[in-house]
C-alpha atoms as a PDB file:
ATOM      1  CA  MET A   1     -80.034 -10.122  -3.654  1.00  0.00           C
ATOM      2  CA  TRP A   2     -77.637  -7.977  -5.633  1.00  0.00           C
ATOM      3  CA  SER A   3     -75.919  -6.849  -2.435  1.00  0.00           C
ATOM      4  CA  GLY A   4     -75.296 -10.482  -1.475  1.00  0.00           C
ATOM      5  CA  ILE A   5     -73.734 -11.147  -4.824  1.00  0.00           C
ATOM      6  CA  ARG A   6     -71.558  -8.068  -4.366  1.00  0.00           C
ATOM      7  CA  VAL A   7     -70.268  -9.349  -0.992  1.00  0.00           C
ATOM      8  CA  MET A   8     -69.448 -12.746  -2.476  1.00  0.00           C
ATOM      9  CA  THR A   9     -67.495 -11.062  -5.254  1.00  0.00           C
ATOM     10  CA  LYS A  10     -65.285  -9.185  -2.767  1.00  0.00           C
ATOM     11  CA  SER A  11     -64.625 -12.378  -0.819  1.00  0.00           C
ATOM     12  CA  THR A  12     -63.751 -14.163  -4.007  1.00  0.00           C
ATOM     13  CA  LEU A  13     -61.158 -11.457  -4.819  1.00  0.00           C
ATOM     14  CA  ILE A  14     -59.596 -11.493  -1.341  1.00  0.00           C
ATOM     15  CA  ILE A  15     -58.832 -15.233  -1.404  1.00  0.00           C
ATOM     16  CA  PRO A  16     -56.466 -15.109  -4.447  1.00  0.00           C
ATOM     17  CA  VAL A  17     -54.682 -12.066  -3.026  1.00  0.00           C
ATOM     18  CA  LEU A  18     -54.001 -13.852   0.271  1.00  0.00           C
ATOM     19  CA  GLY A  19     -52.875 -16.873  -1.704  1.00  0.00           C
ATOM     20  CA  LEU A  20     -50.358 -14.786  -3.688  1.00  0.00           C
ATOM     21  CA  VAL A  21     -49.003 -13.220  -0.488  1.00  0.00           C
ATOM     22  CA  GLY A  22     -48.538 -16.648   1.072  1.00  0.00           C
ATOM     23  CA  LEU A  23     -46.882 -17.946  -2.072  1.00  0.00           C
ATOM     24  CA  PHE A  24     -44.495 -14.953  -2.048  1.00  0.00           C
ATOM     25  CA  LEU A  25     -43.528 -15.631   1.568  1.00  0.00           C
ATOM     26  CA  VAL A  26     -42.808 -19.259   0.730  1.00  0.00           C
ATOM     27  CA  VAL A  27     -40.865 -18.506  -2.456  1.00  0.00           C
ATOM     28  CA  VAL A  28     -38.583 -15.739  -1.064  1.00  0.00           C
ATOM     29  CA  PRO A  29     -36.725 -17.986   1.421  1.00  0.00           C
ATOM     30  CA  ALA A  30     -36.331 -20.557  -1.327  1.00  0.00           C
ATOM     31  CA  MET A  31     -34.481 -17.952  -3.412  1.00  0.00           C
ATOM     32  CA  ALA A  32     -31.600 -17.887  -0.914  1.00  0.00           C
ATOM     33  CA  ASP A  33     -28.253 -19.537  -1.596  1.00  0.00           C
ATOM     34  CA  GLU A  34     -27.567 -22.671   0.407  1.00  0.00           C
ATOM     35  CA  VAL A  35     -24.373 -24.021   1.999  1.00  0.00           C
ATOM     36  CA  HIS A  36     -24.111 -27.650   3.172  1.00  0.00           C
ATOM     37  CA  LEU A  37     -21.618 -28.351   5.970  1.00  0.00           C
ATOM     38  CA  THR A  38     -19.786 -31.516   6.986  1.00  0.00           C
ATOM     39  CA  ASN A  39     -21.670 -31.634  10.311  1.00  0.00           C
ATOM     40  CA  GLY A  40     -24.988 -31.876   8.479  1.00  0.00           C
ATOM     41  CA  ASP A  41     -26.071 -28.245   8.927  1.00  0.00           C
ATOM     42  CA  ARG A  42     -27.499 -26.264   6.038  1.00  0.00           C
ATOM     43  CA  LEU A  43     -27.107 -22.496   6.074  1.00  0.00           C
ATOM     44  CA  THR A  44     -29.068 -20.124   3.837  1.00  0.00           C
ATOM     45  CA  GLY A  45     -28.189 -16.605   2.804  1.00  0.00           C
ATOM     46  CA  GLU A  46     -26.208 -14.903   0.053  1.00  0.00           C
ATOM     47  CA  ILE A  47     -22.820 -16.279  -0.962  1.00  0.00           C
ATOM     48  CA  VAL A  48     -20.577 -13.206  -1.075  1.00  0.00           C
ATOM     49  CA  THR A  49     -17.150 -14.628  -1.841  1.00  0.00           C
ATOM     50  CA  MET A  50     -14.727 -17.483  -1.267  1.00  0.00           C
ATOM     51  CA  GLU A  51     -10.988 -16.822  -1.302  1.00  0.00           C
ATOM     52  CA  ASN A  52      -8.021 -18.279   0.532  1.00  0.00           C
ATOM     53  CA  GLU A  53     -10.104 -21.226   1.796  1.00  0.00           C
ATOM     54  CA  LEU A  54     -12.648 -18.896   3.478  1.00  0.00           C
ATOM     55  CA  LEU A  55     -16.294 -18.596   2.389  1.00  0.00           C
ATOM     56  CA  VAL A  56     -18.363 -15.545   3.397  1.00  0.00           C
ATOM     57  CA  LEU A  57     -22.148 -16.032   3.610  1.00  0.00           C
ATOM     58  CA  LYS A  58     -24.342 -12.969   4.183  1.00  0.00           C
ATOM     59  CA  THR A  59     -27.368 -13.883   6.323  1.00  0.00           C
ATOM     60  CA  THR A  60     -30.369 -12.010   7.721  1.00  0.00           C
ATOM     61  CA  TYR A  61     -30.056 -13.753  11.096  1.00  0.00           C
ATOM     62  CA  ALA A  62     -26.293 -13.507  11.872  1.00  0.00           C
ATOM     63  CA  GLY A  63     -24.802 -10.957   9.473  1.00  0.00           C
ATOM     64  CA  ASP A  64     -21.705 -12.100   7.563  1.00  0.00           C
ATOM     65  CA  VAL A  65     -20.821 -15.680   8.507  1.00  0.00           C
ATOM     66  CA  ARG A  66     -17.279 -16.847   7.707  1.00  0.00           C
ATOM     67  CA  LEU A  67     -16.848 -20.549   7.060  1.00  0.00           C
ATOM     68  CA  SER A  68     -13.754 -22.635   6.431  1.00  0.00           C
ATOM     69  CA  TRP A  69     -13.954 -24.072   2.905  1.00  0.00           C
ATOM     70  CA  GLN A  70     -12.848 -27.412   4.369  1.00  0.00           C
ATOM     71  CA  ASP A  71     -16.119 -27.556   6.335  1.00  0.00           C
ATOM     72  CA  VAL A  72     -18.252 -27.135   3.187  1.00  0.00           C
ATOM     73  CA  THR A  73     -19.544 -30.224   1.364  1.00  0.00           C
ATOM     74  CA  CYS A  74     -21.781 -28.533  -1.208  1.00  0.00           C
ATOM     75  CA  ILE A  75     -23.266 -25.185  -2.271  1.00  0.00           C
ATOM     76  CA  ALA A  76     -26.253 -24.071  -4.352  1.00  0.00           C
ATOM     77  CA  SER A  77     -27.083 -20.581  -5.570  1.00  0.00           C
ATOM     78  CA  GLU A  78     -30.050 -18.873  -7.173  1.00  0.00           C
ATOM     79  CA  ARG A  79     -27.878 -16.048  -8.539  1.00  0.00           C
ATOM     80  CA  GLU A  80     -25.060 -16.130 -11.030  1.00  0.00           C
ATOM     81  CA  LEU A  81     -21.639 -16.234  -9.381  1.00  0.00           C
ATOM     82  CA  THR A  82     -18.119 -16.067 -10.801  1.00  0.00           C
ATOM     83  CA  PHE A  83     -16.098 -19.237 -10.229  1.00  0.00           C
ATOM     84  CA  ARG A  84     -12.325 -19.432 -10.678  1.00  0.00           C
ATOM     85  CA  LEU A  85     -10.984 -22.959 -10.993  1.00  0.00           C
ATOM     86  CA  ALA A  86      -7.586 -24.216  -9.893  1.00  0.00           C
ATOM     87  CA  ASN A  87      -6.496 -24.262 -13.557  1.00  0.00           C
ATOM     88  CA  LYS A  88      -7.349 -20.485 -13.723  1.00  0.00           C
ATOM     89  CA  GLU A  89     -10.439 -21.098 -15.906  1.00  0.00           C
ATOM     90  CA  ILE A  90     -13.345 -18.721 -15.172  1.00  0.00           C
ATOM     91  CA  LEU A  91     -16.982 -19.917 -15.211  1.00  0.00           C
ATOM     92  CA  ILE A  92     -20.044 -17.729 -14.615  1.00  0.00           C
ATOM     93  CA  GLY A  93     -23.381 -19.230 -13.631  1.00  0.00           C
ATOM     94  CA  ARG A  94     -25.541 -20.693 -10.874  1.00  0.00           C
ATOM     95  CA  ALA A  95     -24.276 -23.445  -8.604  1.00  0.00           C
ATOM     96  CA  ILE A  96     -26.136 -26.763  -8.384  1.00  0.00           C
ATOM     97  CA  CYS A  97     -25.430 -29.367  -5.710  1.00  0.00           C
ATOM     98  CA  PRO A  98     -25.622 -32.830  -7.335  1.00  0.00           C
ATOM     99  CA  ARG A  99     -24.129 -34.631  -4.314  1.00  0.00           C
ATOM    100  CA  ALA A 100     -21.741 -34.129  -1.415  1.00  0.00           C
ATOM    101  CA  GLY A 101     -18.279 -32.924  -2.426  1.00  0.00           C
ATOM    102  CA  LYS A 102     -19.413 -32.035  -5.964  1.00  0.00           C
ATOM    103  CA  ILE A 103     -20.787 -29.008  -7.774  1.00  0.00           C
ATOM    104  CA  GLN A 104     -22.221 -28.180 -11.193  1.00  0.00           C
ATOM    105  CA  ILE A 105     -22.318 -24.737 -12.753  1.00  0.00           C
ATOM    106  CA  VAL A 106     -25.202 -23.721 -15.014  1.00  0.00           C
ATOM    107  CA  GLY A 107     -24.932 -20.580 -17.125  1.00  0.00           C
ATOM    108  CA  VAL A 108     -26.159 -19.013 -20.339  1.00  0.00           C
ATOM    109  CA  SER A 109     -22.772 -19.201 -22.062  1.00  0.00           C
ATOM    110  CA  ILE A 110     -21.588 -22.562 -20.689  1.00  0.00           C
ATOM    111  CA  GLY A 111     -24.855 -24.525 -20.417  1.00  0.00           C
ATOM    112  CA  GLU A 112     -24.362 -27.103 -17.686  1.00  0.00           C
ATOM    113  CA  SER A 113     -20.845 -28.026 -16.670  1.00  0.00           C
ATOM    114  CA  ALA A 114     -19.697 -31.492 -15.769  1.00  0.00           C
ATOM    115  CA  GLU A 115     -19.554 -32.336 -12.082  1.00  0.00           C
ATOM    116  CA  LEU A 116     -16.617 -30.615 -10.421  1.00  0.00           C
ATOM    117  CA  SER A 117     -14.947 -31.471  -7.153  1.00  0.00           C
ATOM    118  CA  LEU A 118     -14.992 -28.685  -4.562  1.00  0.00           C
ATOM    119  CA  ASP A 119     -11.205 -29.017  -4.496  1.00  0.00           C
ATOM    120  CA  GLU A 120     -11.181 -27.761  -8.096  1.00  0.00           C
ATOM    121  CA  LEU A 121     -12.662 -24.416  -7.022  1.00  0.00           C
ATOM    122  CA  GLN A 122     -10.032 -21.811  -6.195  1.00  0.00           C
ATOM    123  CA  ALA A 123     -12.351 -18.842  -5.616  1.00  0.00           C
ATOM    124  CA  ILE A 124     -15.946 -17.600  -5.858  1.00  0.00           C
ATOM    125  CA  ASN A 125     -16.520 -13.949  -6.791  1.00  0.00           C
ATOM    126  CA  PRO A 126     -12.753 -13.329  -6.462  1.00  0.00           C
ATOM    127  CA  SER A 127     -11.347  -9.869  -5.863  1.00  0.00           C
ATOM    128  CA  PRO A 128      -9.948  -8.200  -8.976  1.00  0.00           C
ATOM    129  CA  PRO A 129      -6.216  -8.837  -9.398  1.00  0.00           C
ATOM    130  CA  PRO A 130      -3.950  -6.049  -8.143  1.00  0.00           C
ATOM    131  CA  PRO A 131      -2.468  -3.736 -10.791  1.00  0.00           C
ATOM    132  CA  SER A 132       0.804  -4.940 -12.275  1.00  0.00           C
ATOM    133  CA  VAL A 133       2.449  -1.654 -11.271  1.00  0.00           C
ATOM    134  CA  THR A 134       1.545   0.517  -8.266  1.00  0.00           C
ATOM    135  CA  TYR A 135       2.553   4.111  -7.653  1.00  0.00           C
ATOM    136  CA  LYS A 136       2.757   6.137  -4.453  1.00  0.00           C
ATOM    137  CA  GLY A 137       4.383   9.302  -3.264  1.00  0.00           C
ATOM    138  CA  ASN A 138       4.105  12.469  -1.234  1.00  0.00           C
ATOM    139  CA  LEU A 139       4.724  16.203  -1.464  1.00  0.00           C
ATOM    140  CA  THR A 140       5.515  18.342   1.583  1.00  0.00           C
ATOM    141  CA  GLY A 141       6.214  22.017   1.947  1.00  0.00           C
ATOM    142  CA  GLY A 142       6.482  24.796   4.454  1.00  0.00           C
ATOM    143  CA  ALA A 143       7.280  28.494   4.497  1.00  0.00           C
ATOM    144  CA  SER A 144       7.483  31.380   6.929  1.00  0.00           C
ATOM    145  CA  ALA A 145       8.156  35.091   6.603  1.00  0.00           C
ATOM    146  CA  THR A 146       8.509  37.972   9.039  1.00  0.00           C
ATOM    147  CA  SER A 147       9.026  41.698   8.467  1.00  0.00           C
ATOM    148  CA  GLY A 148       9.756  44.650  10.700  1.00  0.00           C
ATOM    149  CA  ASN A 149      12.832  44.803  12.885  1.00  0.00           C
ATOM    150  CA  THR A 150      13.962  41.633  11.129  1.00  0.00           C
ATOM    151  CA  ASP A 151      13.100  40.590   7.602  1.00  0.00           C
ATOM    152  CA  ASP A 152      13.188  36.806   7.526  1.00  0.00           C
ATOM    153  CA  ALA A 153      12.026  34.178   5.014  1.00  0.00           C
ATOM    154  CA  VAL A 154      12.309  30.385   5.077  1.00  0.00           C
ATOM    155  CA  VAL A 155      11.111  27.935   2.400  1.00  0.00           C
ATOM    156  CA  TYR A 156      11.202  24.134   2.556  1.00  0.00           C
ATOM    157  CA  PHE A 157      10.031  21.577  -0.020  1.00  0.00           C
ATOM    158  CA  SER A 158      10.417  17.817  -0.370  1.00  0.00           C
ATOM    159  CA  ALA A 159       8.978  15.093  -2.585  1.00  0.00           C
ATOM    160  CA  GLY A 160       9.098  11.305  -2.773  1.00  0.00           C
ATOM    161  CA  PHE A 161       7.913   8.869  -5.428  1.00  0.00           C
ATOM    162  CA  GLU A 162       7.906   5.079  -5.773  1.00  0.00           C
ATOM    163  CA  ALA A 163       6.810   2.792  -8.616  1.00  0.00           C
ATOM    164  CA  ARG A 164       6.608  -0.910  -7.747  1.00  0.00           C
ATOM    165  CA  SER A 165       5.883  -4.138  -9.602  1.00  0.00           C
ATOM    166  CA  LYS A 166       6.545  -7.717  -8.565  1.00  0.00           C
ATOM    167  CA  ARG A 167      10.166  -7.640  -9.775  1.00  0.00           C
ATOM    168  CA  HIS A 168      11.018  -3.943  -9.982  1.00  0.00           C
ATOM    169  CA  ARG A 169      10.992  -0.914  -7.693  1.00  0.00           C
ATOM    170  CA  PHE A 170      11.987   2.593  -8.726  1.00  0.00           C
ATOM    171  CA  THR A 171      12.419   5.314  -6.077  1.00  0.00           C
ATOM    172  CA  LEU A 172      12.981   9.066  -6.366  1.00  0.00           C
ATOM    173  CA  GLY A 173      13.351  11.607  -3.579  1.00  0.00           C
ATOM    174  CA  GLY A 174      14.427  15.173  -3.157  1.00  0.00           C
ATOM    175  CA  LYS A 175      14.355  18.164  -0.842  1.00  0.00           C
ATOM    176  CA  LEU A 176      15.205  21.853  -0.958  1.00  0.00           C
ATOM    177  CA  ASN A 177      15.784  24.285   1.912  1.00  0.00           C
ATOM    178  CA  TYR A 178      16.299  28.045   1.608  1.00  0.00           C
ATOM    179  CA  GLY A 179      16.522  30.770   4.263  1.00  0.00           C
ATOM    180  CA  GLU A 180      17.175  34.498   4.167  1.00  0.00           C
ATOM    181  CA  THR A 181      17.496  37.122   6.929  1.00  0.00           C
ATOM    182  CA  ASP A 182      17.660  40.865   6.215  1.00  0.00           C
ATOM    183  CA  GLY A 183      18.555  40.159   2.604  1.00  0.00           C
ATOM    184  CA  GLU A 184      21.394  37.805   3.510  1.00  0.00           C
ATOM    185  CA  ILE A 185      21.159  34.102   2.659  1.00  0.00           C
ATOM    186  CA  THR A 186      21.267  31.966   5.820  1.00  0.00           C
ATOM    187  CA  ALA A 187      20.498  28.531   4.355  1.00  0.00           C
ATOM    188  CA  ARG A 188      20.622  27.041   0.879  1.00  0.00           C
ATOM    189  CA  ASN A 189      20.921  23.290   0.436  1.00  0.00           C
ATOM    190  CA  ALA A 190      19.396  20.560  -1.670  1.00  0.00           C
ATOM    191  CA  LEU A 191      19.444  16.768  -1.828  1.00  0.00           C
ATOM    192  CA  GLY A 192      18.267  14.314  -4.478  1.00  0.00           C
ATOM    193  CA  ARG A 193      18.356  10.518  -4.531  1.00  0.00           C
ATOM    194  CA  ILE A 194      17.467   7.828  -7.033  1.00  0.00           C
ATOM    195  CA  LYS A 195      17.405   4.044  -6.675  1.00  0.00           C
ATOM    196  CA  TYR A 196      16.377   1.023  -8.714  1.00  0.00           C
ATOM    197  CA  ASP A 197      15.730  -2.389  -7.118  1.00  0.00           C
ATOM    198  CA  PHE A 198      15.448  -5.707  -8.936  1.00  0.00           C
ATOM    199  CA  PHE A 199      13.818  -8.417  -6.812  1.00  0.00           C
ATOM    200  CA  MET A 200      15.499 -11.765  -7.388  1.00  0.00           C
ATOM    201  CA  THR A 201      13.193 -13.374  -4.798  1.00  0.00           C
ATOM    202  CA  GLU A 202      10.242 -12.048  -2.813  1.00  0.00           C
ATOM    203  CA  LYS A 203      12.650 -10.589  -0.220  1.00  0.00           C
ATOM    204  CA  VAL A 204      16.117 -10.313  -1.786  1.00  0.00           C
ATOM    205  CA  TYR A 205      16.928  -7.665  -4.387  1.00  0.00           C
ATOM    206  CA  ALA A 206      19.879  -6.097  -6.157  1.00  0.00           C
ATOM    207  CA  TYR A 207      20.011  -2.300  -6.276  1.00  0.00           C
ATOM    208  CA  ALA A 208      21.666   0.557  -8.116  1.00  0.00           C
ATOM    209  CA  GLN A 209      21.616   3.961  -6.434  1.00  0.00           C
ATOM    210  CA  GLY A 210      22.759   7.526  -6.718  1.00  0.00           C
ATOM    211  CA  LEU A 211      22.830  10.534  -4.390  1.00  0.00           C
ATOM    212  CA  LEU A 212      23.320  14.231  -5.211  1.00  0.00           C
ATOM    213  CA  GLU A 213      23.702  16.894  -2.528  1.00  0.00           C
ATOM    214  CA  SER A 214      24.792  20.521  -2.309  1.00  0.00           C
ATOM    215  CA  ASP A 215      25.107  22.922   0.629  1.00  0.00           C
ATOM    216  CA  GLU A 216      26.477  26.431   0.277  1.00  0.00           C
ATOM    217  CA  PHE A 217      27.232  26.695   3.996  1.00  0.00           C
ATOM    218  CA  GLN A 218      29.263  23.480   3.992  1.00  0.00           C
ATOM    219  CA  ASP A 219      31.358  24.878   1.103  1.00  0.00           C
ATOM    220  CA  LEU A 220      29.872  21.957  -0.857  1.00  0.00           C
ATOM    221  CA  ASP A 221      29.258  22.486  -4.563  1.00  0.00           C
ATOM    222  CA  LEU A 222      28.235  18.871  -5.111  1.00  0.00           C
ATOM    223  CA  ARG A 223      28.422  15.591  -3.242  1.00  0.00           C
ATOM    224  CA  SER A 224      27.634  12.613  -5.476  1.00  0.00           C
ATOM    225  CA  THR A 225      27.554   8.863  -5.038  1.00  0.00           C
ATOM    226  CA  ALA A 226      26.857   5.951  -7.361  1.00  0.00           C
ATOM    227  CA  GLY A 227      26.771   2.352  -6.207  1.00  0.00           C
ATOM    228  CA  LEU A 228      25.568  -1.232  -6.450  1.00  0.00           C
ATOM    229  CA  GLY A 229      24.614  -3.735  -3.771  1.00  0.00           C
ATOM    230  CA  LEU A 230      22.087  -6.128  -2.291  1.00  0.00           C
ATOM    231  CA  GLY A 231      19.009  -5.437  -0.195  1.00  0.00           C
ATOM    232  CA  TYR A 232      16.598  -7.450   1.922  1.00  0.00           C
ATOM    233  CA  GLN A 233      12.930  -6.493   2.291  1.00  0.00           C
ATOM    234  CA  ILE A 234      12.384  -7.570   5.893  1.00  0.00           C
ATOM    235  CA  LEU A 235       8.730  -6.490   6.049  1.00  0.00           C
ATOM    236  CA  ASP A 236       6.370  -5.211   3.372  1.00  0.00           C
ATOM    237  CA  THR A 237       2.812  -4.959   4.695  1.00  0.00           C
ATOM    238  CA  LYS A 238       0.188  -2.223   4.623  1.00  0.00           C
ATOM    239  CA  ARG A 239       1.255  -1.173   8.120  1.00  0.00           C
ATOM    240  CA  THR A 240       5.021  -1.759   8.064  1.00  0.00           C
ATOM    241  CA  SER A 241       7.772  -1.479   5.443  1.00  0.00           C
ATOM    242  CA  LEU A 242      11.341  -2.261   6.513  1.00  0.00           C
ATOM    243  CA  PHE A 243      14.442  -2.889   4.394  1.00  0.00           C
ATOM    244  CA  ALA A 244      18.205  -3.089   4.861  1.00  0.00           C
ATOM    245  CA  GLU A 245      20.902  -2.697   2.192  1.00  0.00           C
ATOM    246  CA  ALA A 246      24.661  -3.093   1.841  1.00  0.00           C
ATOM    247  CA  GLY A 247      26.967  -2.509  -1.106  1.00  0.00           C
ATOM    248  CA  VAL A 248      29.812  -0.502  -2.619  1.00  0.00           C
ATOM    249  CA  SER A 249      29.643   3.109  -3.876  1.00  0.00           C
ATOM    250  CA  TYR A 250      31.903   5.660  -5.488  1.00  0.00           C
ATOM    251  CA  PHE A 251      31.876   8.738  -3.242  1.00  0.00           C
ATOM    252  CA  ASN A 252      32.857  12.173  -4.570  1.00  0.00           C
ATOM    253  CA  GLU A 253      32.849  15.671  -3.028  1.00  0.00           C
ATOM    254  CA  ASP A 254      33.440  18.875  -4.998  1.00  0.00           C
ATOM    255  CA  PHE A 255      34.059  21.859  -2.716  1.00  0.00           C
ATOM    256  CA  ASP A 256      34.004  25.532  -3.574  1.00  0.00           C
ATOM    257  CA  VAL A 257      37.230  26.388  -1.710  1.00  0.00           C
ATOM    258  CA  ALA A 258      38.507  23.217  -0.033  1.00  0.00           C
ATOM    259  CA  GLU A 259      40.292  20.421  -1.880  1.00  0.00           C
ATOM    260  CA  ASP A 260      37.980  17.935  -3.610  1.00  0.00           C
ATOM    261  CA  THR A 261      37.848  14.360  -2.350  1.00  0.00           C
ATOM    262  CA  SER A 262      36.772  11.033  -3.812  1.00  0.00           C
ATOM    263  CA  TYR A 263      37.040   7.387  -2.816  1.00  0.00           C
ATOM    264  CA  PHE A 264      35.358   3.996  -3.022  1.00  0.00           C
ATOM    265  CA  SER A 265      33.238   3.314   0.018  1.00  0.00           C
ATOM    266  CA  ALA A 266      31.136   0.637   1.646  1.00  0.00           C
ATOM    267  CA  ARG A 267      27.477   1.683   1.813  1.00  0.00           C
ATOM    268  CA  GLU A 268      24.806   0.694   4.340  1.00  0.00           C
ATOM    269  CA  SER A 269      21.194   1.857   4.417  1.00  0.00           C
ATOM    270  CA  VAL A 270      17.995   1.146   6.387  1.00  0.00           C
ATOM    271  CA  GLY A 271      14.483   2.402   5.647  1.00  0.00           C
ATOM    272  CA  LEU A 272      11.384   2.072   7.837  1.00  0.00           C
ATOM    273  CA  ASN A 273       7.767   3.197   7.566  1.00  0.00           C
ATOM    274  CA  PHE A 274       5.517   2.117  10.444  1.00  0.00           C
ATOM    275  CA  GLN A 275       1.912   3.123  11.105  1.00  0.00           C
ATOM    276  CA  VAL A 276       1.951   3.733  14.866  1.00  0.00           C
ATOM    277  CA  VAL A 277      -1.811   4.318  14.685  1.00  0.00           C
ATOM    278  CA  PRO A 278      -3.148   2.651  11.498  1.00  0.00           C
ATOM    279  CA  GLU A 279      -4.114   5.189   8.825  1.00  0.00           C
ATOM    280  CA  GLN A 280      -3.494   8.084  11.254  1.00  0.00           C
ATOM    281  CA  ILE A 281       0.091   8.379  12.564  1.00  0.00           C
ATOM    282  CA  THR A 282       3.176   7.122  10.684  1.00  0.00           C
ATOM    283  CA  PHE A 283       6.770   7.007  11.880  1.00  0.00           C
ATOM    284  CA  PHE A 284       9.420   7.096   9.133  1.00  0.00           C
ATOM    285  CA  HIS A 285      13.183   6.720   9.058  1.00  0.00           C
ATOM    286  CA  LEU A 286      15.782   6.508   6.293  1.00  0.00           C
ATOM    287  CA  HIS A 287      19.557   6.687   6.510  1.00  0.00           C
ATOM    288  CA  GLU A 288      22.637   6.063   4.378  1.00  0.00           C
ATOM    289  CA  PHE A 289      26.160   5.501   5.689  1.00  0.00           C
ATOM    290  CA  TYR A 290      29.283   5.663   3.505  1.00  0.00           C
ATOM    291  CA  TYR A 291      32.599   4.397   4.909  1.00  0.00           C
ATOM    292  CA  SER A 292      35.791   4.862   2.893  1.00  0.00           C
ATOM    293  CA  LEU A 293      37.555   1.701   1.743  1.00  0.00           C
ATOM    294  CA  GLU A 294      40.705   3.757   1.165  1.00  0.00           C
ATOM    295  CA  GLU A 295      40.969   5.967   4.268  1.00  0.00           C
ATOM    296  CA  SER A 296      39.839   4.626   7.616  1.00  0.00           C
ATOM    297  CA  ASP A 297      38.989   8.063   9.012  1.00  0.00           C
ATOM    298  CA  SER A 298      36.677   9.117   6.158  1.00  0.00           C
ATOM    299  CA  TYR A 299      32.956   8.478   6.374  1.00  0.00           C
ATOM    300  CA  TYR A 300      29.642  10.258   5.814  1.00  0.00           C
ATOM    301  CA  PHE A 301      26.205   9.669   7.348  1.00  0.00           C
ATOM    302  CA  TRP A 302      22.831  11.279   6.671  1.00  0.00           C
ATOM    303  CA  SER A 303      19.346  10.484   7.945  1.00  0.00           C
ATOM    304  CA  GLU A 304      15.764  11.713   8.008  1.00  0.00           C
ATOM    305  CA  GLN A 305      13.156  10.638  10.559  1.00  0.00           C
ATOM    306  CA  GLY A 306       9.901  11.932  11.934  1.00  0.00           C
ATOM    307  CA  LEU A 307       6.156  11.567  12.307  1.00  0.00           C
ATOM    308  CA  ARG A 308       3.294  12.199   9.898  1.00  0.00           C
ATOM    309  CA  PHE A 309      -0.175  12.910  11.281  1.00  0.00           C
ATOM    310  CA  ARG A 310      -3.115  12.468   8.928  1.00  0.00           C
ATOM    311  CA  LEU A 311      -5.318  15.569   8.865  1.00  0.00           C
ATOM    312  CA  LEU A 312      -8.063  15.319   6.258  1.00  0.00           C
ATOM    313  CA  GLY A 313      -8.209  12.942   3.335  1.00  0.00           C
ATOM    314  CA  ASN A 314      -4.703  12.599   1.940  1.00  0.00           C
ATOM    315  CA  PHE A 315      -3.329  15.691   3.688  1.00  0.00           C
ATOM    316  CA  PHE A 316      -0.945  15.302   6.635  1.00  0.00           C
ATOM    317  CA  ALA A 317       1.196  17.291   9.068  1.00  0.00           C
ATOM    318  CA  ASN A 318       4.894  16.435   8.931  1.00  0.00           C
ATOM    319  CA  PHE A 319       7.384  16.806  11.799  1.00  0.00           C
ATOM    320  CA  GLU A 320      10.889  15.806  10.807  1.00  0.00           C
ATOM    321  CA  VAL A 321      14.501  15.851  11.971  1.00  0.00           C
ATOM    322  CA  ASP A 322      17.260  15.677   9.348  1.00  0.00           C
ATOM    323  CA  TYR A 323      20.798  14.925  10.514  1.00  0.00           C
ATOM    324  CA  SER A 324      24.117  14.576   8.684  1.00  0.00           C
ATOM    325  CA  TYR A 325      27.687  13.964   9.828  1.00  0.00           C
ATOM    326  CA  ASN A 326      30.835  14.314   7.718  1.00  0.00           C
ATOM    327  CA  ARG A 327      34.015  12.971   9.312  1.00  0.00           C
ATOM    328  CA  GLN A 328      36.159  15.211   7.087  1.00  0.00           C
ATOM    329  CA  PRO A 329      34.292  18.457   6.368  1.00  0.00           C
ATOM    330  CA  ALA A 330      35.779  21.424   4.570  1.00  0.00           C
ATOM    331  CA  PRO A 331      38.280  23.373   6.720  1.00  0.00           C
ATOM    332  CA  GLY A 332      36.509  25.659   9.184  1.00  0.00           C
ATOM    333  CA  LYS A 333      33.191  23.811   8.855  1.00  0.00           C
ATOM    334  CA  ARG A 334      31.469  21.717  11.496  1.00  0.00           C
ATOM    335  CA  ASN A 335      31.076  17.960  11.216  1.00  0.00           C
ATOM    336  CA  ALA A 336      27.347  17.773  11.979  1.00  0.00           C
ATOM    337  CA  ASP A 337      24.214  19.536  10.725  1.00  0.00           C
ATOM    338  CA  THR A 338      20.717  19.137  12.181  1.00  0.00           C
ATOM    339  CA  ALA A 339      17.474  20.523  10.777  1.00  0.00           C
ATOM    340  CA  PHE A 340      14.101  20.559  12.571  1.00  0.00           C
ATOM    341  CA  ILE A 341      11.262  20.776  10.071  1.00  0.00           C
ATOM    342  CA  ALA A 342       7.495  21.259  10.399  1.00  0.00           C
ATOM    343  CA  SER A 343       5.484  21.194   7.182  1.00  0.00           C
ATOM    344  CA  LEU A 344       2.219  20.184   5.546  1.00  0.00           C
ATOM    345  CA  GLY A 345       2.023  17.408   2.968  1.00  0.00           C
ATOM    346  CA  TYR A 346      -0.137  15.474   0.543  1.00  0.00           C
ATOM    347  CA  ALA A 347       0.142  11.723  -0.072  1.00  0.00           C
ATOM    348  CA  PHE A 348      -1.069   9.913  -3.188  1.00  0.00           C
ATOM    349  CA  SER A 349      -1.228   6.345  -4.496  1.00  0.00           C
ATOM    350  CA  PHE A 350      -2.728   4.603  -7.531  1.00  0.00           C
END
């Protein structure tokens, strides 16, 4: 008799447990967010975000489903979401679907909102706004040394920096090259540039620039320029940056032995950065051309171009060719100089 009672007690305990399991299986699907479409379909899952007229719904049966916001007639959520309205107001709460084309938001701080049209929603769980100012740059360097029959040392260093906001861009760049063989200097030159851009529109900007350059083996104590002009940002995407500029500069050359020269010149410049293989291989080019407005046979051109190969993290290998041409060099000096450079670098952005 007691054993029979004991068996009945176990059965009595099993029934509620099975009931709770069944209730859990019924309740869990009901906890999913729901999206109503214009064709009558209803999709369940987790609303991830909605920006730029595109809603992303994470589902267990099809992964992330992307839906045009125009195809959505209503949404409901069991979790709190962040809603940004067209008037920039932010509401945090759960979404309720009162009827097609409308939505209500229920939250601890706002209670229950009035019915809102779906057209009044600008974004759901929007991405954080980009920083008002961004910074990026790179440092590259290389060195070699040999000893024995020939004692040789070569050092190369360059750096670039850019600060950018919606209206302003500030750019700095510089490089230094030094070589020595058997105690005798074989190369010593340096270049520095600075530029400020003010964007009058998304593409068009006014600039102010300066260039400083010295080269012992060109008899050049200091070459300096200062100028103003206009630029056009042709492309400015994550993969490609391309600009072109034109303006007027004051061009001055101080030589060690030769006679100094100076004149007003027209200036033209083009800069390109293109990711040949996204995030891995980048081609870069920058040049400046100065043409005298006073003497037709006086002009100066310099350029740098090459490839950067990403190695590990922010480190890269840099292969570069620098070229310059001076129509009127110091007496006894050549017009053109070319440098072939291999170095290692580090890129940063924040």
